[in-house]
Amino acid sequence: MFQFINVIDKYIIEFISKNLQSEVLNIIISFFSFAGDDGFIWMVLICTLMMSKKYRKIGCIAACAFLLSRITVDILKPLIARPRPFEELSHLKIYIDRPTTYSFPSGHAITSFATIGVLINILKNNFYKIGLVLLALFITFSRLYLLVHYPSDILIGMMLGLIVSEIALHSFKKS
């Protein structure tokens, strides 16, 4: 099963490398990747929420989900130790600084979906919900487009992020 997933992952990476990348898109998509580096955009959003008395509790729950997602990544990456696509497929041209950590799971995906998982469950405004989902998807897709993650790294990262958000939401409901 894992061998089949690995073959599909590499096929998709090769397809992106040969058919989707362009100079203009590289610049635009690199911006989204940069916004997600170390969860920067999510930390700014969480701090903004926590500064408001009205949204402080939401910010605290999102912060817990974010921190739990970072702990999960820090445990899983060295444990699984999956090489990045550009390490296994050395002919790939990378347009950003080469990450030095392992590939699985995607830290950008898990932090993005852990944070928005909390926010879309609590916020009432559909405009904000759609905007957050689109931002998380752009950040997450950027890692695939830039050839620094396999699709399975991204998908599992998204799922783990949503699981972490549910854990954070459930923990706060009990308290």
N, C-alpha and C. Protein backbone atom coordinates (compact mmCIF):
# COMPACT_ATOMS: atom_id res chain seq x y z
N MET A 1 0.81 -1.19 0.00
CA MET A 1 0.00 0.00 0.00
C MET A 1 0.86 1.27 0.00
N PHE A 2 1.87 1.30 0.91
CA PHE A 2 2.73 2.48 0.97
C PHE A 2 3.53 2.67 -0.31
N GLN A 3 3.90 1.56 -0.95
CA GLN A 3 4.64 1.66 -2.20
C GLN A 3 3.75 2.28 -3.28
N PHE A 4 2.48 1.91 -3.32
CA PHE A 4 1.54 2.47 -4.28
C PHE A 4 1.38 3.98 -4.05
N ILE A 5 1.24 4.38 -2.79
CA ILE A 5 1.11 5.80 -2.45
C ILE A 5 2.37 6.56 -2.87
N ASN A 6 3.52 5.97 -2.65
CA ASN A 6 4.79 6.59 -3.02
C ASN A 6 4.88 6.79 -4.54
N VAL A 7 4.41 5.83 -5.31
CA VAL A 7 4.42 5.94 -6.77
C VAL A 7 3.50 7.08 -7.21
N ILE A 8 2.31 7.14 -6.65
CA ILE A 8 1.36 8.20 -6.98
C ILE A 8 1.93 9.56 -6.58
N ASP A 9 2.50 9.65 -5.38
CA ASP A 9 3.11 10.89 -4.92
C ASP A 9 4.15 11.40 -5.91
N LYS A 10 5.04 10.52 -6.33
CA LYS A 10 6.12 10.92 -7.25
C LYS A 10 5.56 11.30 -8.62
N TYR A 11 4.54 10.61 -9.06
CA TYR A 11 3.92 10.93 -10.35
C TYR A 11 3.34 12.35 -10.31
N ILE A 12 2.64 12.68 -9.24
CA ILE A 12 2.04 14.00 -9.11
C ILE A 12 3.12 15.08 -9.05
N ILE A 13 4.17 14.84 -8.29
CA ILE A 13 5.28 15.80 -8.20
C ILE A 13 5.90 16.03 -9.58
N GLU A 14 6.15 14.96 -10.30
CA GLU A 14 6.71 15.08 -11.66
C GLU A 14 5.77 15.86 -12.57
N PHE A 15 4.47 15.59 -12.48
CA PHE A 15 3.49 16.30 -13.30
C PHE A 15 3.51 17.79 -13.00
N ILE A 16 3.52 18.15 -11.74
CA ILE A 16 3.57 19.57 -11.35
C ILE A 16 4.84 20.21 -11.88
N SER A 17 5.96 19.53 -11.70
CA SER A 17 7.25 20.06 -12.14
C SER A 17 7.28 20.33 -13.65
N LYS A 18 6.74 19.43 -14.41
CA LYS A 18 6.81 19.52 -15.88
C LYS A 18 5.70 20.37 -16.49
N ASN A 19 4.53 20.46 -15.84
CA ASN A 19 3.38 21.05 -16.51
C ASN A 19 2.75 22.28 -15.86
N LEU A 20 2.97 22.52 -14.59
CA LEU A 20 2.23 23.58 -13.92
C LEU A 20 3.07 24.79 -13.54
N GLN A 21 4.34 24.61 -13.35
CA GLN A 21 5.15 25.71 -12.84
C GLN A 21 5.44 26.76 -13.92
N SER A 22 5.43 28.03 -13.47
CA SER A 22 5.80 29.15 -14.34
C SER A 22 6.46 30.22 -13.48
N GLU A 23 7.16 31.12 -14.11
CA GLU A 23 7.88 32.17 -13.37
C GLU A 23 6.93 33.03 -12.54
N VAL A 24 5.81 33.43 -13.13
CA VAL A 24 4.86 34.28 -12.44
C VAL A 24 4.22 33.53 -11.26
N LEU A 25 3.77 32.31 -11.49
CA LEU A 25 3.16 31.52 -10.42
C LEU A 25 4.15 31.22 -9.31
N ASN A 26 5.41 31.00 -9.67
CA ASN A 26 6.42 30.73 -8.64
C ASN A 26 6.50 31.87 -7.63
N ILE A 27 6.43 33.10 -8.10
CA ILE A 27 6.51 34.27 -7.22
C ILE A 27 5.26 34.35 -6.35
N ILE A 28 4.10 34.22 -6.97
CA ILE A 28 2.83 34.33 -6.23
C ILE A 28 2.72 33.22 -5.19
N ILE A 29 2.99 32.00 -5.61
CA ILE A 29 2.81 30.86 -4.71
C ILE A 29 3.87 30.85 -3.62
N SER A 30 5.06 31.35 -3.92
CA SER A 30 6.10 31.46 -2.89
C SER A 30 5.65 32.38 -1.76
N PHE A 31 4.88 33.41 -2.09
CA PHE A 31 4.35 34.32 -1.07
C PHE A 31 3.46 33.57 -0.09
N PHE A 32 2.58 32.72 -0.59
CA PHE A 32 1.69 31.95 0.30
C PHE A 32 2.50 30.98 1.16
N SER A 33 3.52 30.38 0.57
CA SER A 33 4.36 29.47 1.34
C SER A 33 5.07 30.23 2.46
N PHE A 34 5.59 31.41 2.12
CA PHE A 34 6.28 32.23 3.10
C PHE A 34 5.33 32.64 4.23
N ALA A 35 4.08 32.98 3.90
CA ALA A 35 3.09 33.37 4.91
C ALA A 35 2.84 32.24 5.91
N GLY A 36 2.98 30.99 5.43
CA GLY A 36 2.75 29.84 6.29
C GLY A 36 3.98 29.34 7.01
N ASP A 37 5.16 29.90 6.69
CA ASP A 37 6.40 29.44 7.34
C ASP A 37 6.27 29.56 8.85
N ASP A 38 6.53 28.46 9.54
CA ASP A 38 6.45 28.38 11.01
C ASP A 38 5.08 28.82 11.53
N GLY A 39 4.07 28.80 10.67
CA GLY A 39 2.73 29.20 11.08
C GLY A 39 2.59 30.69 11.29
N PHE A 40 3.46 31.48 10.65
CA PHE A 40 3.50 32.93 10.89
C PHE A 40 2.12 33.59 10.76
N ILE A 41 1.44 33.38 9.66
CA ILE A 41 0.15 34.04 9.43
C ILE A 41 -0.87 33.63 10.49
N TRP A 42 -0.80 32.38 10.92
CA TRP A 42 -1.75 31.89 11.93
C TRP A 42 -1.42 32.47 13.29
N MET A 43 -0.14 32.64 13.59
CA MET A 43 0.23 33.26 14.87
C MET A 43 -0.22 34.72 14.91
N VAL A 44 -0.08 35.43 13.79
CA VAL A 44 -0.55 36.82 13.73
C VAL A 44 -2.06 36.87 13.95
N LEU A 45 -2.78 35.97 13.29
CA LEU A 45 -4.23 35.93 13.45
C LEU A 45 -4.64 35.60 14.89
N ILE A 46 -3.97 34.61 15.46
CA ILE A 46 -4.26 34.22 16.85
C ILE A 46 -3.98 35.37 17.82
N CYS A 47 -2.86 36.04 17.65
CA CYS A 47 -2.53 37.18 18.52
C CYS A 47 -3.55 38.30 18.36
N THR A 48 -3.99 38.54 17.13
CA THR A 48 -5.01 39.55 16.88
C THR A 48 -6.31 39.20 17.60
N LEU A 49 -6.70 37.95 17.52
CA LEU A 49 -7.92 37.50 18.21
C LEU A 49 -7.77 37.65 19.73
N MET A 50 -6.61 37.31 20.24
CA MET A 50 -6.40 37.35 21.69
C MET A 50 -6.34 38.78 22.23
N MET A 51 -6.03 39.74 21.38
CA MET A 51 -6.00 41.14 21.83
C MET A 51 -7.41 41.72 21.98
N SER A 52 -8.38 41.06 21.36
CA SER A 52 -9.77 41.52 21.45
C SER A 52 -10.49 40.77 22.57
N LYS A 53 -11.12 41.52 23.44
CA LYS A 53 -11.85 40.89 24.54
C LYS A 53 -12.95 39.98 24.00
N LYS A 54 -13.60 40.40 22.93
CA LYS A 54 -14.70 39.65 22.33
C LYS A 54 -14.25 38.30 21.77
N TYR A 55 -13.04 38.25 21.20
CA TYR A 55 -12.56 37.04 20.52
C TYR A 55 -11.43 36.32 21.26
N ARG A 56 -11.14 36.74 22.48
CA ARG A 56 -10.02 36.18 23.22
C ARG A 56 -10.14 34.66 23.42
N LYS A 57 -11.32 34.19 23.79
CA LYS A 57 -11.49 32.75 24.01
C LYS A 57 -11.24 31.97 22.72
N ILE A 58 -11.75 32.48 21.60
CA ILE A 58 -11.51 31.83 20.30
C ILE A 58 -10.01 31.80 20.01
N GLY A 59 -9.35 32.91 20.29
CA GLY A 59 -7.90 32.98 20.09
C GLY A 59 -7.15 31.97 20.94
N CYS A 60 -7.60 31.79 22.19
CA CYS A 60 -6.96 30.82 23.09
C CYS A 60 -7.15 29.38 22.59
N ILE A 61 -8.34 29.08 22.13
CA ILE A 61 -8.59 27.73 21.61
C ILE A 61 -7.75 27.49 20.35
N ALA A 62 -7.72 28.49 19.47
CA ALA A 62 -6.92 28.37 18.24
C ALA A 62 -5.43 28.25 18.58
N ALA A 63 -4.99 28.98 19.61
CA ALA A 63 -3.58 28.89 20.02
C ALA A 63 -3.25 27.49 20.53
N CYS A 64 -4.16 26.91 21.29
CA CYS A 64 -3.94 25.54 21.78
C CYS A 64 -3.87 24.55 20.62
N ALA A 65 -4.76 24.70 19.67
CA ALA A 65 -4.73 23.82 18.49
C ALA A 65 -3.43 24.00 17.72
N PHE A 66 -3.03 25.25 17.55
CA PHE A 66 -1.78 25.55 16.83
C PHE A 66 -0.59 24.90 17.54
N LEU A 67 -0.50 25.11 18.85
CA LEU A 67 0.62 24.54 19.61
C LEU A 67 0.62 23.01 19.58
N LEU A 68 -0.54 22.42 19.70
CA LEU A 68 -0.64 20.96 19.62
C LEU A 68 -0.23 20.46 18.24
N SER A 69 -0.57 21.22 17.21
CA SER A 69 -0.15 20.82 15.85
C SER A 69 1.37 20.89 15.70
N ARG A 70 1.99 21.91 16.28
CA ARG A 70 3.45 22.04 16.21
C ARG A 70 4.13 20.89 16.96
N ILE A 71 3.59 20.53 18.11
CA ILE A 71 4.15 19.41 18.87
C ILE A 71 4.03 18.12 18.06
N THR A 72 2.88 17.92 17.43
CA THR A 72 2.65 16.73 16.60
C THR A 72 3.67 16.65 15.48
N VAL A 73 3.90 17.76 14.81
CA VAL A 73 4.89 17.80 13.71
C VAL A 73 6.29 17.51 14.24
N ASP A 74 6.63 18.14 15.36
CA ASP A 74 7.98 17.95 15.92
C ASP A 74 8.23 16.51 16.35
N ILE A 75 7.18 15.79 16.70
CA ILE A 75 7.32 14.37 17.06
C ILE A 75 7.36 13.49 15.81
N LEU A 76 6.44 13.73 14.87
CA LEU A 76 6.30 12.83 13.72
C LEU A 76 7.41 12.96 12.68
N LYS A 77 7.86 14.18 12.40
CA LYS A 77 8.87 14.34 11.33
C LYS A 77 10.11 13.48 11.57
N PRO A 78 10.78 13.58 12.72
CA PRO A 78 11.97 12.74 12.90
C PRO A 78 11.64 11.26 13.10
N LEU A 79 10.47 10.98 13.60
CA LEU A 79 10.05 9.59 13.81
C LEU A 79 9.87 8.87 12.47
N ILE A 80 9.22 9.53 11.53
CA ILE A 80 8.96 8.92 10.21
C ILE A 80 10.13 9.15 9.26
N ALA A 81 10.76 10.30 9.35
CA ALA A 81 11.97 10.64 8.59
C ALA A 81 11.84 10.44 7.08
N ARG A 82 10.75 10.92 6.51
CA ARG A 82 10.56 10.80 5.06
C ARG A 82 11.33 11.90 4.35
N PRO A 83 12.17 11.52 3.38
CA PRO A 83 12.90 12.55 2.62
C PRO A 83 11.95 13.43 1.80
N ARG A 84 12.37 14.63 1.53
CA ARG A 84 11.58 15.55 0.71
C ARG A 84 11.70 15.15 -0.77
N PRO A 85 10.72 15.58 -1.58
CA PRO A 85 10.75 15.21 -3.00
C PRO A 85 12.05 15.58 -3.71
N PHE A 86 12.57 16.78 -3.45
CA PHE A 86 13.79 17.20 -4.13
C PHE A 86 15.01 16.39 -3.71
N GLU A 87 14.93 15.69 -2.59
CA GLU A 87 16.03 14.82 -2.17
C GLU A 87 15.99 13.48 -2.90
N GLU A 88 14.78 13.01 -3.16
CA GLU A 88 14.63 11.73 -3.87
C GLU A 88 14.64 11.90 -5.38
N LEU A 89 14.16 13.03 -5.84
CA LEU A 89 14.12 13.33 -7.28
C LEU A 89 15.03 14.53 -7.52
N SER A 90 16.31 14.27 -7.60
CA SER A 90 17.31 15.34 -7.58
C SER A 90 17.25 16.28 -8.77
N HIS A 91 16.54 15.92 -9.82
CA HIS A 91 16.43 16.78 -10.99
C HIS A 91 15.42 17.92 -10.82
N LEU A 92 14.65 17.89 -9.75
CA LEU A 92 13.64 18.92 -9.52
C LEU A 92 14.30 20.26 -9.24
N LYS A 93 13.74 21.30 -9.83
CA LYS A 93 14.24 22.66 -9.60
C LYS A 93 13.38 23.31 -8.52
N ILE A 94 14.00 23.68 -7.41
CA ILE A 94 13.31 24.26 -6.27
C ILE A 94 13.49 25.78 -6.31
N TYR A 95 12.39 26.53 -6.12
CA TYR A 95 12.41 27.98 -6.24
C TYR A 95 12.48 28.71 -4.90
N ILE A 96 12.51 27.96 -3.82
CA ILE A 96 12.63 28.57 -2.49
C ILE A 96 13.82 27.92 -1.79
N ASP A 97 14.18 28.44 -0.63
CA ASP A 97 15.24 27.80 0.15
C ASP A 97 14.81 26.37 0.48
N ARG A 98 15.74 25.45 0.35
CA ARG A 98 15.43 24.05 0.62
C ARG A 98 15.22 23.81 2.11
N PRO A 99 14.04 23.32 2.47
CA PRO A 99 13.80 23.01 3.89
C PRO A 99 14.79 21.94 4.37
N THR A 100 15.17 22.02 5.60
CA THR A 100 16.16 21.09 6.15
C THR A 100 15.53 20.00 7.01
N THR A 101 14.22 20.10 7.24
CA THR A 101 13.54 19.07 8.03
C THR A 101 12.98 18.00 7.10
N TYR A 102 12.42 16.97 7.69
CA TYR A 102 11.82 15.90 6.90
C TYR A 102 10.49 16.36 6.29
N SER A 103 9.96 15.53 5.42
CA SER A 103 8.79 15.89 4.63
C SER A 103 7.45 15.58 5.28
N PHE A 104 7.38 14.51 6.05
CA PHE A 104 6.08 14.02 6.53
C PHE A 104 5.90 14.24 8.02
N PRO A 105 4.79 14.83 8.42
CA PRO A 105 3.72 15.47 7.64
C PRO A 105 4.07 16.93 7.36
N SER A 106 3.29 17.56 6.52
CA SER A 106 3.51 18.96 6.19
C SER A 106 3.15 19.84 7.39
N GLY A 107 4.14 20.59 7.87
CA GLY A 107 3.89 21.51 8.97
C GLY A 107 2.96 22.64 8.57
N HIS A 108 3.09 23.10 7.31
CA HIS A 108 2.20 24.15 6.82
C HIS A 108 0.74 23.66 6.82
N ALA A 109 0.54 22.41 6.41
CA ALA A 109 -0.83 21.87 6.34
C ALA A 109 -1.42 21.66 7.73
N ILE A 110 -0.65 21.07 8.63
CA ILE A 110 -1.21 20.76 9.95
C ILE A 110 -1.50 22.03 10.74
N THR A 111 -0.61 23.02 10.70
CA THR A 111 -0.87 24.25 11.45
C THR A 111 -2.02 25.04 10.84
N SER A 112 -2.09 25.06 9.51
CA SER A 112 -3.17 25.77 8.83
C SER A 112 -4.52 25.17 9.19
N PHE A 113 -4.64 23.86 9.09
CA PHE A 113 -5.93 23.22 9.31
C PHE A 113 -6.28 23.06 10.78
N ALA A 114 -5.29 23.01 11.65
CA ALA A 114 -5.58 23.02 13.09
C ALA A 114 -6.18 24.36 13.48
N THR A 115 -5.60 25.43 12.96
CA THR A 115 -6.07 26.78 13.30
C THR A 115 -7.43 27.05 12.69
N ILE A 116 -7.58 26.82 11.40
CA ILE A 116 -8.88 27.14 10.78
C ILE A 116 -9.96 26.16 11.21
N GLY A 117 -9.58 24.95 11.59
CA GLY A 117 -10.56 24.00 12.08
C GLY A 117 -11.29 24.55 13.30
N VAL A 118 -10.53 25.21 14.17
CA VAL A 118 -11.14 25.84 15.34
C VAL A 118 -11.99 27.03 14.90
N LEU A 119 -11.42 27.87 14.06
CA LEU A 119 -12.11 29.12 13.71
C LEU A 119 -13.40 28.89 12.92
N ILE A 120 -13.39 27.96 11.99
CA ILE A 120 -14.62 27.74 11.21
C ILE A 120 -15.70 27.04 12.02
N ASN A 121 -15.33 26.40 13.10
CA ASN A 121 -16.32 25.79 13.99
C ASN A 121 -16.96 26.81 14.93
N ILE A 122 -16.29 27.91 15.18
CA ILE A 122 -16.78 28.88 16.15
C ILE A 122 -17.33 30.14 15.48
N LEU A 123 -16.63 30.65 14.47
CA LEU A 123 -17.07 31.89 13.83
C LEU A 123 -18.41 31.70 13.12
N LYS A 124 -19.20 32.74 13.12
CA LYS A 124 -20.53 32.70 12.50
C LYS A 124 -20.51 33.21 11.05
N ASN A 125 -19.60 34.10 10.74
CA ASN A 125 -19.57 34.77 9.44
C ASN A 125 -19.02 33.84 8.35
N ASN A 126 -19.87 33.49 7.37
CA ASN A 126 -19.45 32.59 6.29
C ASN A 126 -18.38 33.20 5.40
N PHE A 127 -18.37 34.53 5.26
CA PHE A 127 -17.34 35.19 4.46
C PHE A 127 -15.96 34.93 5.06
N TYR A 128 -15.85 35.06 6.39
CA TYR A 128 -14.58 34.78 7.06
C TYR A 128 -14.21 33.30 6.95
N LYS A 129 -15.18 32.45 7.10
CA LYS A 129 -14.93 31.01 7.01
C LYS A 129 -14.36 30.64 5.65
N ILE A 130 -14.99 31.14 4.59
CA ILE A 130 -14.53 30.84 3.22
C ILE A 130 -13.14 31.41 3.00
N GLY A 131 -12.92 32.63 3.48
CA GLY A 131 -11.59 33.24 3.34
C GLY A 131 -10.51 32.45 4.05
N LEU A 132 -10.81 31.98 5.26
CA LEU A 132 -9.83 31.18 6.01
C LEU A 132 -9.54 29.85 5.33
N VAL A 133 -10.58 29.19 4.83
CA VAL A 133 -10.38 27.92 4.13
C VAL A 133 -9.55 28.13 2.88
N LEU A 134 -9.86 29.17 2.11
CA LEU A 134 -9.07 29.44 0.89
C LEU A 134 -7.62 29.75 1.23
N LEU A 135 -7.40 30.55 2.27
CA LEU A 135 -6.02 30.87 2.68
C LEU A 135 -5.28 29.60 3.08
N ALA A 136 -5.91 28.75 3.88
CA ALA A 136 -5.27 27.50 4.30
C ALA A 136 -4.98 26.60 3.08
N LEU A 137 -5.91 26.54 2.15
CA LEU A 137 -5.69 25.72 0.95
C LEU A 137 -4.55 26.27 0.09
N PHE A 138 -4.50 27.59 -0.08
CA PHE A 138 -3.41 28.20 -0.86
C PHE A 138 -2.05 27.92 -0.20
N ILE A 139 -1.98 28.12 1.11
CA ILE A 139 -0.72 27.87 1.83
C ILE A 139 -0.32 26.41 1.69
N THR A 140 -1.27 25.53 1.87
CA THR A 140 -0.99 24.09 1.80
C THR A 140 -0.60 23.67 0.40
N PHE A 141 -1.36 24.12 -0.60
CA PHE A 141 -1.04 23.78 -1.99
C PHE A 141 0.32 24.33 -2.40
N SER A 142 0.71 25.47 -1.83
CA SER A 142 1.99 26.07 -2.20
C SER A 142 3.15 25.10 -1.96
N ARG A 143 3.04 24.31 -0.91
CA ARG A 143 4.12 23.38 -0.56
C ARG A 143 4.24 22.25 -1.59
N LEU A 144 3.10 21.85 -2.13
CA LEU A 144 3.09 20.84 -3.18
C LEU A 144 3.62 21.45 -4.48
N TYR A 145 3.11 22.61 -4.84
CA TYR A 145 3.53 23.29 -6.06
C TYR A 145 5.03 23.58 -6.06
N LEU A 146 5.56 23.95 -4.91
CA LEU A 146 6.99 24.29 -4.81
C LEU A 146 7.87 23.05 -4.67
N LEU A 147 7.26 21.88 -4.71
CA LEU A 147 7.96 20.59 -4.75
C LEU A 147 8.73 20.25 -3.46
N VAL A 148 8.25 20.76 -2.34
CA VAL A 148 8.91 20.45 -1.08
C VAL A 148 8.13 19.45 -0.23
N HIS A 149 6.93 19.06 -0.70
CA HIS A 149 6.13 18.03 -0.04
C HIS A 149 5.47 17.15 -1.08
N TYR A 150 5.25 15.91 -0.69
CA TYR A 150 4.45 15.00 -1.49
C TYR A 150 2.97 15.23 -1.18
N PRO A 151 2.08 14.85 -2.09
CA PRO A 151 0.65 15.00 -1.81
C PRO A 151 0.20 14.30 -0.52
N SER A 152 0.73 13.14 -0.25
CA SER A 152 0.31 12.43 0.98
C SER A 152 0.78 13.17 2.24
N ASP A 153 1.91 13.87 2.19
CA ASP A 153 2.36 14.69 3.32
C ASP A 153 1.32 15.77 3.62
N ILE A 154 0.81 16.35 2.54
CA ILE A 154 -0.17 17.43 2.64
C ILE A 154 -1.51 16.90 3.16
N LEU A 155 -2.00 15.83 2.54
CA LEU A 155 -3.31 15.29 2.92
C LEU A 155 -3.33 14.82 4.37
N ILE A 156 -2.30 14.11 4.78
CA ILE A 156 -2.24 13.66 6.18
C ILE A 156 -2.08 14.85 7.11
N GLY A 157 -1.29 15.84 6.71
CA GLY A 157 -1.15 17.05 7.52
C GLY A 157 -2.49 17.76 7.71
N MET A 158 -3.28 17.86 6.63
CA MET A 158 -4.60 18.48 6.72
C MET A 158 -5.50 17.69 7.68
N MET A 159 -5.50 16.38 7.54
CA MET A 159 -6.34 15.53 8.41
C MET A 159 -5.90 15.64 9.87
N LEU A 160 -4.59 15.58 10.11
CA LEU A 160 -4.09 15.72 11.48
C LEU A 160 -4.46 17.08 12.06
N GLY A 161 -4.37 18.11 11.24
CA GLY A 161 -4.73 19.44 11.70
C GLY A 161 -6.19 19.52 12.13
N LEU A 162 -7.06 18.92 11.35
CA LEU A 162 -8.48 18.92 11.70
C LEU A 162 -8.75 18.09 12.96
N ILE A 163 -8.02 16.98 13.11
CA ILE A 163 -8.15 16.17 14.33
C ILE A 163 -7.69 16.98 15.55
N VAL A 164 -6.57 17.66 15.42
CA VAL A 164 -6.04 18.49 16.50
C VAL A 164 -7.04 19.59 16.85
N SER A 165 -7.66 20.20 15.83
CA SER A 165 -8.64 21.26 16.11
C SER A 165 -9.82 20.70 16.90
N GLU A 166 -10.26 19.49 16.57
CA GLU A 166 -11.36 18.86 17.30
C GLU A 166 -10.96 18.57 18.75
N ILE A 167 -9.73 18.15 18.95
CA ILE A 167 -9.24 17.90 20.31
C ILE A 167 -9.26 19.20 21.12
N ALA A 168 -8.77 20.28 20.51
CA ALA A 168 -8.76 21.57 21.21
C ALA A 168 -10.18 22.05 21.51
N LEU A 169 -11.06 21.94 20.53
CA LEU A 169 -12.46 22.36 20.73
C LEU A 169 -13.12 21.54 21.83
N HIS A 170 -12.93 20.24 21.79
CA HIS A 170 -13.52 19.34 22.77
C HIS A 170 -12.97 19.63 24.17
N SER A 171 -11.68 19.89 24.28
CA SER A 171 -11.06 20.19 25.58
C SER A 171 -11.64 21.45 26.20
N PHE A 172 -11.89 22.47 25.36
CA PHE A 172 -12.43 23.72 25.89
C PHE A 172 -13.91 23.61 26.22
N LYS A 173 -14.62 22.75 25.51
CA LYS A 173 -16.04 22.55 25.81
C LYS A 173 -16.23 21.92 27.19
N LYS A 174 -15.27 21.05 27.56
CA LYS A 174 -15.36 20.38 28.86
C LYS A 174 -15.04 21.33 30.00
N SER A 175 -14.18 22.32 29.74
CA SER A 175 -13.75 23.20 30.84
C SER A 175 -14.62 24.43 31.00
